[in-house]
């Protein structure tokens, strides 16, 4: 079982996003294409939007049962709650 403390940090995601944008920008420049016109404010907004989107999708996924195991676990939890009452 995976250790739940092994999560990717926000800093790692931000650095990866900045690296990806820099590499794309460099590749476009090498190919003679217009470079990405991204200012620091735009980059901040893109990263913020990315964090919000990822956070929303992760929380939506974990709070909704899609897999057979999760559906079974929900049914088990409902049975256990009935026993307590």
PDB file of N, CA and C in Angstrom:
ATOM      1  N   UNK A   1       0.840  -1.184   0.000  1.00  0.00           N
ATOM      2  CA  UNK A   1       0.000   0.000   0.000  1.00  0.00           C
ATOM      3  C   UNK A   1       0.885   1.247   0.000  1.00  0.00           C
ATOM      4  N   UNK A   2       0.479   2.238  -0.737  1.00  0.00           N
ATOM      5  CA  UNK A   2       1.264   3.470  -0.850  1.00  0.00           C
ATOM      6  C   UNK A   2       1.170   4.287   0.422  1.00  0.00           C
ATOM      7  N   UNK A   3       2.247   4.946   0.758  1.00  0.00           N
ATOM      8  CA  UNK A   3       2.255   5.853   1.892  1.00  0.00           C
ATOM      9  C   UNK A   3       1.519   7.125   1.482  1.00  0.00           C
ATOM     10  N   UNK A   4       0.512   7.524   2.244  1.00  0.00           N
ATOM     11  CA  UNK A   4      -0.304   8.684   1.878  1.00  0.00           C
ATOM     12  C   UNK A   4       0.457  10.000   2.003  1.00  0.00           C
ATOM     13  N   UNK A   5       1.613   9.986   2.675  1.00  0.00           N
ATOM     14  CA  UNK A   5       2.393  11.207   2.813  1.00  0.00           C
ATOM     15  C   UNK A   5       3.261  11.479   1.598  1.00  0.00           C
ATOM     16  N   UNK A   6       3.277  10.594   0.620  1.00  0.00           N
ATOM     17  CA  UNK A   6       4.080  10.769  -0.584  1.00  0.00           C
ATOM     18  C   UNK A   6       3.288  11.503  -1.656  1.00  0.00           C
ATOM     19  N   UNK A   7       2.893  12.723  -1.373  1.00  0.00           N
ATOM     20  CA  UNK A   7       2.144  13.560  -2.317  1.00  0.00           C
ATOM     21  C   UNK A   7       3.114  14.503  -3.008  1.00  0.00           C
ATOM     22  N   UNK A   8       2.793  14.860  -4.227  1.00  0.00           N
ATOM     23  CA  UNK A   8       3.605  15.831  -4.961  1.00  0.00           C
ATOM     24  C   UNK A   8       3.319  17.203  -4.372  1.00  0.00           C
ATOM     25  N   UNK A   9       4.376  17.925  -4.049  1.00  0.00           N
ATOM     26  CA  UNK A   9       4.194  19.237  -3.422  1.00  0.00           C
ATOM     27  C   UNK A   9       3.770  20.280  -4.456  1.00  0.00           C
ATOM     28  N   UNK A  10       3.166  21.333  -3.952  1.00  0.00           N
ATOM     29  CA  UNK A  10       2.746  22.439  -4.817  1.00  0.00           C
ATOM     30  C   UNK A  10       3.960  23.082  -5.487  1.00  0.00           C
ATOM     31  N   UNK A  11       5.064  23.151  -4.764  1.00  0.00           N
ATOM     32  CA  UNK A  11       6.276  23.722  -5.331  1.00  0.00           C
ATOM     33  C   UNK A  11       6.798  22.913  -6.515  1.00  0.00           C
ATOM     34  N   UNK A  12       6.725  21.593  -6.389  1.00  0.00           N
ATOM     35  CA  UNK A  12       7.161  20.722  -7.481  1.00  0.00           C
ATOM     36  C   UNK A  12       6.302  20.942  -8.714  1.00  0.00           C
ATOM     37  N   UNK A  13       5.004  21.041  -8.519  1.00  0.00           N
ATOM     38  CA  UNK A  13       4.088  21.272  -9.642  1.00  0.00           C
ATOM     39  C   UNK A  13       4.372  22.628 -10.283  1.00  0.00           C
ATOM     40  N   UNK A  14       4.565  23.653  -9.461  1.00  0.00           N
ATOM     41  CA  UNK A  14       4.830  24.987  -9.995  1.00  0.00           C
ATOM     42  C   UNK A  14       6.141  25.009 -10.787  1.00  0.00           C
ATOM     43  N   UNK A  15       7.192  24.388 -10.229  1.00  0.00           N
ATOM     44  CA  UNK A  15       8.477  24.370 -10.933  1.00  0.00           C
ATOM     45  C   UNK A  15       8.379  23.588 -12.237  1.00  0.00           C
ATOM     46  N   UNK A  16       7.615  22.504 -12.226  1.00  0.00           N
ATOM     47  CA  UNK A  16       7.436  21.707 -13.436  1.00  0.00           C
ATOM     48  C   UNK A  16       6.687  22.505 -14.498  1.00  0.00           C
ATOM     49  N   UNK A  17       5.655  23.233 -14.081  1.00  0.00           N
ATOM     50  CA  UNK A  17       4.901  24.051 -15.027  1.00  0.00           C
ATOM     51  C   UNK A  17       5.776  25.136 -15.637  1.00  0.00           C
ATOM     52  N   UNK A  18       6.585  25.782 -14.814  1.00  0.00           N
ATOM     53  CA  UNK A  18       7.477  26.827 -15.313  1.00  0.00           C
ATOM     54  C   UNK A  18       8.507  26.230 -16.270  1.00  0.00           C
ATOM     55  N   UNK A  19       9.060  25.067 -15.926  1.00  0.00           N
ATOM     56  CA  UNK A  19      10.019  24.403 -16.804  1.00  0.00           C
ATOM     57  C   UNK A  19       9.382  24.044 -18.143  1.00  0.00           C
ATOM     58  N   UNK A  20       8.164  23.510 -18.108  1.00  0.00           N
ATOM     59  CA  UNK A  20       7.468  23.150 -19.351  1.00  0.00           C
ATOM     60  C   UNK A  20       7.259  24.377 -20.228  1.00  0.00           C
ATOM     61  N   UNK A  21       6.820  25.469 -19.629  1.00  0.00           N
ATOM     62  CA  UNK A  21       6.620  26.695 -20.405  1.00  0.00           C
ATOM     63  C   UNK A  21       7.939  27.211 -20.986  1.00  0.00           C
ATOM     64  N   UNK A  22       9.015  27.136 -20.200  1.00  0.00           N
ATOM     65  CA  UNK A  22      10.320  27.588 -20.689  1.00  0.00           C
ATOM     66  C   UNK A  22      10.792  26.721 -21.855  1.00  0.00           C
ATOM     67  N   UNK A  23      10.605  25.404 -21.733  1.00  0.00           N
ATOM     68  CA  UNK A  23      11.020  24.507 -22.810  1.00  0.00           C
ATOM     69  C   UNK A  23      10.202  24.727 -24.083  1.00  0.00           C
ATOM     70  N   UNK A  24       8.913  24.913 -23.936  1.00  0.00           N
ATOM     71  CA  UNK A  24       8.056  25.190 -25.089  1.00  0.00           C
ATOM     72  C   UNK A  24       8.471  26.505 -25.741  1.00  0.00           C
ATOM     73  N   UNK A  25       8.719  27.497 -24.912  1.00  0.00           N
ATOM     74  CA  UNK A  25       9.144  28.801 -25.417  1.00  0.00           C
ATOM     75  C   UNK A  25      10.467  28.679 -26.176  1.00  0.00           C
ATOM     76  N   UNK A  26      11.421  27.917 -25.624  1.00  0.00           N
ATOM     77  CA  UNK A  26      12.716  27.730 -26.273  1.00  0.00           C
ATOM     78  C   UNK A  26      12.568  26.984 -27.593  1.00  0.00           C
ATOM     79  N   UNK A  27      11.734  25.947 -27.608  1.00  0.00           N
ATOM     80  CA  UNK A  27      11.502  25.175 -28.828  1.00  0.00           C
ATOM     81  C   UNK A  27      10.878  26.050 -29.916  1.00  0.00           C
ATOM     82  N   UNK A  28       9.889  26.841 -29.551  1.00  0.00           N
ATOM     83  CA  UNK A  28       9.258  27.743 -30.521  1.00  0.00           C
ATOM     84  C   UNK A  28      10.271  28.751 -31.067  1.00  0.00           C
ATOM     85  N   UNK A  29      11.112  29.261 -30.180  1.00  0.00           N
ATOM     86  CA  UNK A  29      12.129  30.219 -30.610  1.00  0.00           C
ATOM     87  C   UNK A  29      13.115  29.573 -31.583  1.00  0.00           C
ATOM     88  N   UNK A  30      13.529  28.336 -31.295  1.00  0.00           N
ATOM     89  CA  UNK A  30      14.468  27.623 -32.163  1.00  0.00           C
ATOM     90  C   UNK A  30      13.861  27.337 -33.531  1.00  0.00           C
ATOM     91  N   UNK A  31      12.555  27.144 -33.578  1.00  0.00           N
ATOM     92  CA  UNK A  31      11.874  26.868 -34.840  1.00  0.00           C
ATOM     93  C   UNK A  31      11.477  28.136 -35.591  1.00  0.00           C
ATOM     94  N   UNK A  32      11.814  29.290 -35.027  1.00  0.00           N
ATOM     95  CA  UNK A  32      11.507  30.550 -35.679  1.00  0.00           C
ATOM     96  C   UNK A  32      10.058  30.975 -35.536  1.00  0.00           C
ATOM     97  N   UNK A  33       9.344  30.358 -34.628  1.00  0.00           N
ATOM     98  CA  UNK A  33       7.944  30.722 -34.381  1.00  0.00           C
ATOM     99  C   UNK A  33       7.899  31.811 -33.322  1.00  0.00           C
ATOM    100  N   UNK A  34       6.794  32.526 -33.271  1.00  0.00           N
ATOM    101  CA  UNK A  34       6.680  33.541 -32.211  1.00  0.00           C
ATOM    102  C   UNK A  34       6.714  32.871 -30.839  1.00  0.00           C
ATOM    103  N   UNK A  35       7.461  33.464 -29.939  1.00  0.00           N
ATOM    104  CA  UNK A  35       7.547  32.910 -28.592  1.00  0.00           C
ATOM    105  C   UNK A  35       6.256  33.177 -27.832  1.00  0.00           C
ATOM    106  N   UNK A  36       6.084  32.431 -26.776  1.00  0.00           N
ATOM    107  CA  UNK A  36       4.872  32.594 -25.971  1.00  0.00           C
ATOM    108  C   UNK A  36       4.887  33.958 -25.277  1.00  0.00           C
ATOM    109  N   UNK A  37       3.890  34.764 -25.520  1.00  0.00           N
ATOM    110  CA  UNK A  37       3.855  36.085 -24.884  1.00  0.00           C
ATOM    111  C   UNK A  37       3.285  35.989 -23.467  1.00  0.00           C
ATOM    112  N   UNK A  38       4.038  35.382 -22.580  1.00  0.00           N
ATOM    113  CA  UNK A  38       3.537  35.170 -21.220  1.00  0.00           C
ATOM    114  C   UNK A  38       4.292  36.085 -20.273  1.00  0.00           C
ATOM    115  N   UNK A  39       3.536  36.922 -19.596  1.00  0.00           N
ATOM    116  CA  UNK A  39       4.104  37.799 -18.579  1.00  0.00           C
ATOM    117  C   UNK A  39       3.949  37.124 -17.228  1.00  0.00           C
ATOM    118  N   UNK A  40       4.623  37.626 -16.225  1.00  0.00           N
ATOM    119  CA  UNK A  40       4.585  36.985 -14.916  1.00  0.00           C
ATOM    120  C   UNK A  40       3.163  36.945 -14.345  1.00  0.00           C
ATOM    121  N   UNK A  41       2.373  37.986 -14.575  1.00  0.00           N
ATOM    122  CA  UNK A  41       0.985  37.994 -14.099  1.00  0.00           C
ATOM    123  C   UNK A  41       0.152  36.921 -14.781  1.00  0.00           C
ATOM    124  N   UNK A  42       0.381  36.739 -16.073  1.00  0.00           N
ATOM    125  CA  UNK A  42      -0.328  35.702 -16.824  1.00  0.00           C
ATOM    126  C   UNK A  42       0.097  34.323 -16.344  1.00  0.00           C
ATOM    127  N   UNK A  43       1.385  34.143 -16.116  1.00  0.00           N
ATOM    128  CA  UNK A  43       1.898  32.868 -15.628  1.00  0.00           C
ATOM    129  C   UNK A  43       1.317  32.548 -14.255  1.00  0.00           C
ATOM    130  N   UNK A  44       1.255  33.548 -13.394  1.00  0.00           N
ATOM    131  CA  UNK A  44       0.668  33.354 -12.068  1.00  0.00           C
ATOM    132  C   UNK A  44      -0.795  32.925 -12.185  1.00  0.00           C
ATOM    133  N   UNK A  45      -1.529  33.552 -13.074  1.00  0.00           N
ATOM    134  CA  UNK A  45      -2.940  33.209 -13.279  1.00  0.00           C
ATOM    135  C   UNK A  45      -3.084  31.791 -13.826  1.00  0.00           C
ATOM    136  N   UNK A  46      -2.216  31.406 -14.770  1.00  0.00           N
ATOM    137  CA  UNK A  46      -2.261  30.053 -15.327  1.00  0.00           C
ATOM    138  C   UNK A  46      -1.976  28.995 -14.265  1.00  0.00           C
ATOM    139  N   UNK A  47      -0.969  29.239 -13.440  1.00  0.00           N
ATOM    140  CA  UNK A  47      -0.632  28.293 -12.381  1.00  0.00           C
ATOM    141  C   UNK A  47      -1.755  28.213 -11.359  1.00  0.00           C
ATOM    142  N   UNK A  48      -2.309  29.357 -10.984  1.00  0.00           N
ATOM    143  CA  UNK A  48      -3.418  29.379 -10.035  1.00  0.00           C
ATOM    144  C   UNK A  48      -4.628  28.622 -10.577  1.00  0.00           C
ATOM    145  N   UNK A  49      -4.929  28.843 -11.848  1.00  0.00           N
ATOM    146  CA  UNK A  49      -6.041  28.127 -12.477  1.00  0.00           C
ATOM    147  C   UNK A  49      -5.762  26.629 -12.522  1.00  0.00           C
ATOM    148  N   UNK A  50      -4.516  26.270 -12.813  1.00  0.00           N
ATOM    149  CA  UNK A  50      -4.143  24.855 -12.826  1.00  0.00           C
ATOM    150  C   UNK A  50      -4.318  24.210 -11.471  1.00  0.00           C
ATOM    151  N   UNK A  51      -3.859  24.871 -10.410  1.00  0.00           N
ATOM    152  CA  UNK A  51      -4.031  24.335  -9.056  1.00  0.00           C
ATOM    153  C   UNK A  51      -5.504  24.180  -8.708  1.00  0.00           C
ATOM    154  N   UNK A  52      -6.300  25.190  -9.051  1.00  0.00           N
ATOM    155  CA  UNK A  52      -7.728  25.129  -8.757  1.00  0.00           C
ATOM    156  C   UNK A  52      -8.384  23.968  -9.497  1.00  0.00           C
ATOM    157  N   UNK A  53      -8.048  23.810 -10.766  1.00  0.00           N
ATOM    158  CA  UNK A  53      -8.629  22.737 -11.569  1.00  0.00           C
ATOM    159  C   UNK A  53      -8.241  21.369 -11.034  1.00  0.00           C
ATOM    160  N   UNK A  54      -6.955  21.181 -10.760  1.00  0.00           N
ATOM    161  CA  UNK A  54      -6.491  19.889 -10.243  1.00  0.00           C
ATOM    162  C   UNK A  54      -7.123  19.601  -8.891  1.00  0.00           C
ATOM    163  N   UNK A  55      -7.156  20.587  -8.019  1.00  0.00           N
ATOM    164  CA  UNK A  55      -7.751  20.406  -6.696  1.00  0.00           C
ATOM    165  C   UNK A  55      -9.230  20.031  -6.803  1.00  0.00           C
ATOM    166  N   UNK A  56      -9.954  20.726  -7.668  1.00  0.00           N
ATOM    167  CA  UNK A  56     -11.383  20.431  -7.842  1.00  0.00           C
ATOM    168  C   UNK A  56     -11.594  19.019  -8.381  1.00  0.00           C
ATOM    169  N   UNK A  57     -10.795  18.622  -9.371  1.00  0.00           N
ATOM    170  CA  UNK A  57     -10.950  17.286  -9.952  1.00  0.00           C
ATOM    171  C   UNK A  57     -10.584  16.185  -8.961  1.00  0.00           C
ATOM    172  N   UNK A  58      -9.511  16.391  -8.200  1.00  0.00           N
ATOM    173  CA  UNK A  58      -9.112  15.389  -7.205  1.00  0.00           C
ATOM    174  C   UNK A  58     -10.187  15.241  -6.142  1.00  0.00           C
ATOM    175  N   UNK A  59     -10.684  16.350  -5.621  1.00  0.00           N
ATOM    176  CA  UNK A  59     -11.723  16.270  -4.591  1.00  0.00           C
ATOM    177  C   UNK A  59     -13.016  15.689  -5.137  1.00  0.00           C
ATOM    178  N   UNK A  60     -13.361  16.011  -6.351  1.00  0.00           N
ATOM    179  CA  UNK A  60     -14.550  15.437  -6.965  1.00  0.00           C
ATOM    180  C   UNK A  60     -14.392  13.928  -7.097  1.00  0.00           C
ATOM    181  N   UNK A  61     -13.218  13.480  -7.547  1.00  0.00           N
ATOM    182  CA  UNK A  61     -12.969  12.056  -7.736  1.00  0.00           C
ATOM    183  C   UNK A  61     -13.039  11.306  -6.402  1.00  0.00           C
ATOM    184  N   UNK A  62     -12.393  11.843  -5.369  1.00  0.00           N
ATOM    185  CA  UNK A  62     -12.350  11.145  -4.085  1.00  0.00           C
ATOM    186  C   UNK A  62     -13.683  11.182  -3.349  1.00  0.00           C
ATOM    187  N   UNK A  63     -14.543  12.113  -3.664  1.00  0.00           N
ATOM    188  CA  UNK A  63     -15.826  12.203  -2.984  1.00  0.00           C
ATOM    189  C   UNK A  63     -16.956  11.559  -3.770  1.00  0.00           C
ATOM    190  N   UNK A  64     -16.645  10.878  -4.842  1.00  0.00           N
ATOM    191  CA  UNK A  64     -17.630  10.168  -5.647  1.00  0.00           C
ATOM    192  C   UNK A  64     -17.090   8.773  -5.931  1.00  0.00           C
ATOM    193  N   UNK A  65     -17.948   7.778  -5.776  1.00  0.00           N
ATOM    194  CA  UNK A  65     -17.502   6.396  -5.934  1.00  0.00           C
ATOM    195  C   UNK A  65     -17.742   5.932  -7.358  1.00  0.00           C
ATOM    196  N   UNK A  66     -16.640   5.692  -8.082  1.00  0.00           N
ATOM    197  CA  UNK A  66     -16.713   5.238  -9.460  1.00  0.00           C
ATOM    198  C   UNK A  66     -16.232   3.808  -9.620  1.00  0.00           C
ATOM    199  N   UNK A  67     -15.229   3.436  -8.849  1.00  0.00           N
ATOM    200  CA  UNK A  67     -14.671   2.105  -9.008  1.00  0.00           C
ATOM    201  C   UNK A  67     -15.529   1.084  -8.274  1.00  0.00           C
ATOM    202  N   UNK A  68     -15.516  -0.165  -8.718  1.00  0.00           N
ATOM    203  CA  UNK A  68     -16.282  -1.206  -8.003  1.00  0.00           C
ATOM    204  C   UNK A  68     -15.876  -1.310  -6.537  1.00  0.00           C
ATOM    205  N   UNK A  69     -14.592  -1.142  -6.244  1.00  0.00           N
ATOM    206  CA  UNK A  69     -14.131  -1.212  -4.861  1.00  0.00           C
ATOM    207  C   UNK A  69     -14.716  -0.083  -4.022  1.00  0.00           C
ATOM    208  N   UNK A  70     -14.777   1.102  -4.579  1.00  0.00           N
ATOM    209  CA  UNK A  70     -15.328   2.243  -3.845  1.00  0.00           C
ATOM    210  C   UNK A  70     -16.824   2.079  -3.620  1.00  0.00           C
ATOM    211  N   UNK A  71     -17.525   1.575  -4.608  1.00  0.00           N
ATOM    212  CA  UNK A  71     -18.968   1.351  -4.461  1.00  0.00           C
ATOM    213  C   UNK A  71     -19.219   0.291  -3.389  1.00  0.00           C
ATOM    214  N   UNK A  72     -18.406  -0.755  -3.396  1.00  0.00           N
ATOM    215  CA  UNK A  72     -18.527  -1.801  -2.383  1.00  0.00           C
ATOM    216  C   UNK A  72     -18.227  -1.237  -0.989  1.00  0.00           C
ATOM    217  N   UNK A  73     -17.209  -0.394  -0.898  1.00  0.00           N
ATOM    218  CA  UNK A  73     -16.862   0.221   0.383  1.00  0.00           C
ATOM    219  C   UNK A  73     -17.989   1.118   0.882  1.00  0.00           C
ATOM    220  N   UNK A  74     -18.653   1.849  -0.015  1.00  0.00           N
ATOM    221  CA  UNK A  74     -19.802   2.677   0.382  1.00  0.00           C
ATOM    222  C   UNK A  74     -20.931   1.817   0.944  1.00  0.00           C
ATOM    223  N   UNK A  75     -21.196   0.686   0.297  1.00  0.00           N
ATOM    224  CA  UNK A  75     -22.240  -0.216   0.774  1.00  0.00           C
ATOM    225  C   UNK A  75     -21.864  -0.788   2.144  1.00  0.00           C
ATOM    226  N   UNK A  76     -20.600  -1.152   2.320  1.00  0.00           N
ATOM    227  CA  UNK A  76     -20.127  -1.670   3.597  1.00  0.00           C
ATOM    228  C   UNK A  76     -20.283  -0.612   4.689  1.00  0.00           C
ATOM    229  N   UNK A  77     -19.906   0.614   4.382  1.00  0.00           N
ATOM    230  CA  UNK A  77     -20.032   1.695   5.361  1.00  0.00           C
ATOM    231  C   UNK A  77     -21.496   1.912   5.739  1.00  0.00           C
ATOM    232  N   UNK A  78     -22.399   1.850   4.764  1.00  0.00           N
ATOM    233  CA  UNK A  78     -23.823   2.023   5.055  1.00  0.00           C
ATOM    234  C   UNK A  78     -24.312   0.904   5.972  1.00  0.00           C
ATOM    235  N   UNK A  79     -23.872  -0.339   5.753  1.00  0.00           N
ATOM    236  CA  UNK A  79     -24.267  -1.451   6.619  1.00  0.00           C
ATOM    237  C   UNK A  79     -23.730  -1.241   8.034  1.00  0.00           C
ATOM    238  N   UNK A  80     -22.502  -0.768   8.143  1.00  0.00           N
ATOM    239  CA  UNK A  80     -21.913  -0.537   9.468  1.00  0.00           C
ATOM    240  C   UNK A  80     -22.654   0.564  10.212  1.00  0.00           C
ATOM    241  N   UNK A  81     -23.082   1.590   9.500  1.00  0.00           N
ATOM    242  CA  UNK A  81     -23.825   2.684  10.146  1.00  0.00           C
ATOM    243  C   UNK A  81     -25.163   2.193  10.649  1.00  0.00           C
ATOM    244  N   UNK A  82     -25.797   1.284   9.915  1.00  0.00           N
ATOM    245  CA  UNK A  82     -27.083   0.728  10.362  1.00  0.00           C
ATOM    246  C   UNK A  82     -26.918  -0.103  11.628  1.00  0.00           C
ATOM    247  N   UNK A  83     -25.791  -0.805  11.751  1.00  0.00           N
ATOM    248  CA  UNK A  83     -25.533  -1.616  12.946  1.00  0.00           C
ATOM    249  C   UNK A  83     -25.365  -0.749  14.189  1.00  0.00           C
ATOM    250  N   UNK A  84     -24.776   0.415  14.016  1.00  0.00           N
ATOM    251  CA  UNK A  84     -24.511   1.306  15.149  1.00  0.00           C
ATOM    252  C   UNK A  84     -25.815   1.879  15.683  1.00  0.00           C
ATOM    253  N   UNK A  85     -26.758   2.094  14.845  1.00  0.00           N
ATOM    254  CA  UNK A  85     -28.024   2.732  15.271  1.00  0.00           C
ATOM    255  C   UNK A  85     -28.852   1.839  16.050  1.00  0.00           C
TER     256      UNK A  85
END
